[in-house]
Amino acid sequence: MPATLEVKCTEDDCELDMFEMHYTYDIPDDVGVSDFSCPYCGETDSLDEIEL
């Protein structure tokens, strides 16, 4: 099963609570939260992985 990454945005002015990304099998192993930006506010430094 492809990897799933749950992410939250901690930017104070952002209305996005959390989102989930589903990877394909072809995504490199070293790709992580720091490689993405918030789809709502566009910030990159405010994303944190939600660890279950």
Protein backbone atom coordinates (compact mmCIF):
# COMPACT_ATOMS: atom_id res chain seq x y z
CA MET A 1 0.00 0.00 0.00
CA PRO A 2 1.36 3.47 -0.84
CA ALA A 3 2.51 5.68 2.02
CA THR A 4 0.17 8.23 3.58
CA LEU A 5 1.35 11.43 5.22
CA GLU A 6 -0.97 13.38 7.54
CA VAL A 7 -0.01 17.03 7.87
CA LYS A 8 -1.23 20.00 9.91
CA CYS A 9 -0.60 23.69 9.28
CA THR A 10 0.38 25.65 12.38
CA GLU A 11 0.26 29.12 10.77
CA ASP A 12 -1.91 31.30 13.04
CA ASP A 13 -3.80 32.92 10.15
CA CYS A 14 -4.42 29.66 8.25
CA GLU A 15 -7.89 28.10 8.36
CA LEU A 16 -6.70 24.63 7.26
CA ASP A 17 -6.76 22.14 10.12
CA MET A 18 -5.07 19.14 8.50
CA PHE A 19 -4.74 17.30 5.24
CA GLU A 20 -3.61 13.91 4.06
CA MET A 21 -1.29 13.10 1.18
CA HIS A 22 -1.25 9.70 -0.51
CA TYR A 23 1.99 8.88 -2.26
CA THR A 24 2.49 6.60 -5.23
CA TYR A 25 5.06 3.84 -5.02
CA ASP A 26 7.49 5.93 -7.10
CA ILE A 27 8.04 8.79 -4.62
CA PRO A 28 11.63 8.89 -3.26
CA ASP A 29 12.16 7.74 0.33
CA ASP A 30 13.73 11.06 1.36
CA VAL A 31 10.62 13.14 0.52
CA GLY A 32 8.99 14.61 3.63
CA VAL A 33 6.86 17.45 4.97
CA SER A 34 9.55 20.05 4.25
CA ASP A 35 9.16 19.39 0.51
CA PHE A 36 5.55 20.64 0.45
CA SER A 37 3.60 23.83 1.10
CA CYS A 38 0.18 24.33 2.67
CA PRO A 39 -2.49 24.14 -0.05
CA TYR A 40 -4.52 26.84 1.74
CA CYS A 41 -2.05 29.54 2.84
CA GLY A 42 1.01 28.55 0.81
CA GLU A 43 3.43 28.54 3.77
CA THR A 44 6.12 25.87 3.96
CA ASP A 45 7.66 26.43 7.41
CA SER A 46 4.37 25.94 9.24
CA LEU A 47 3.72 22.33 8.19
CA ASP A 48 4.13 19.56 10.75
CA GLU A 49 3.65 15.84 10.29
CA ILE A 50 0.93 14.29 12.44
CA GLU A 51 2.38 11.14 13.95
CA LEU A 52 -0.09 8.46 15.01
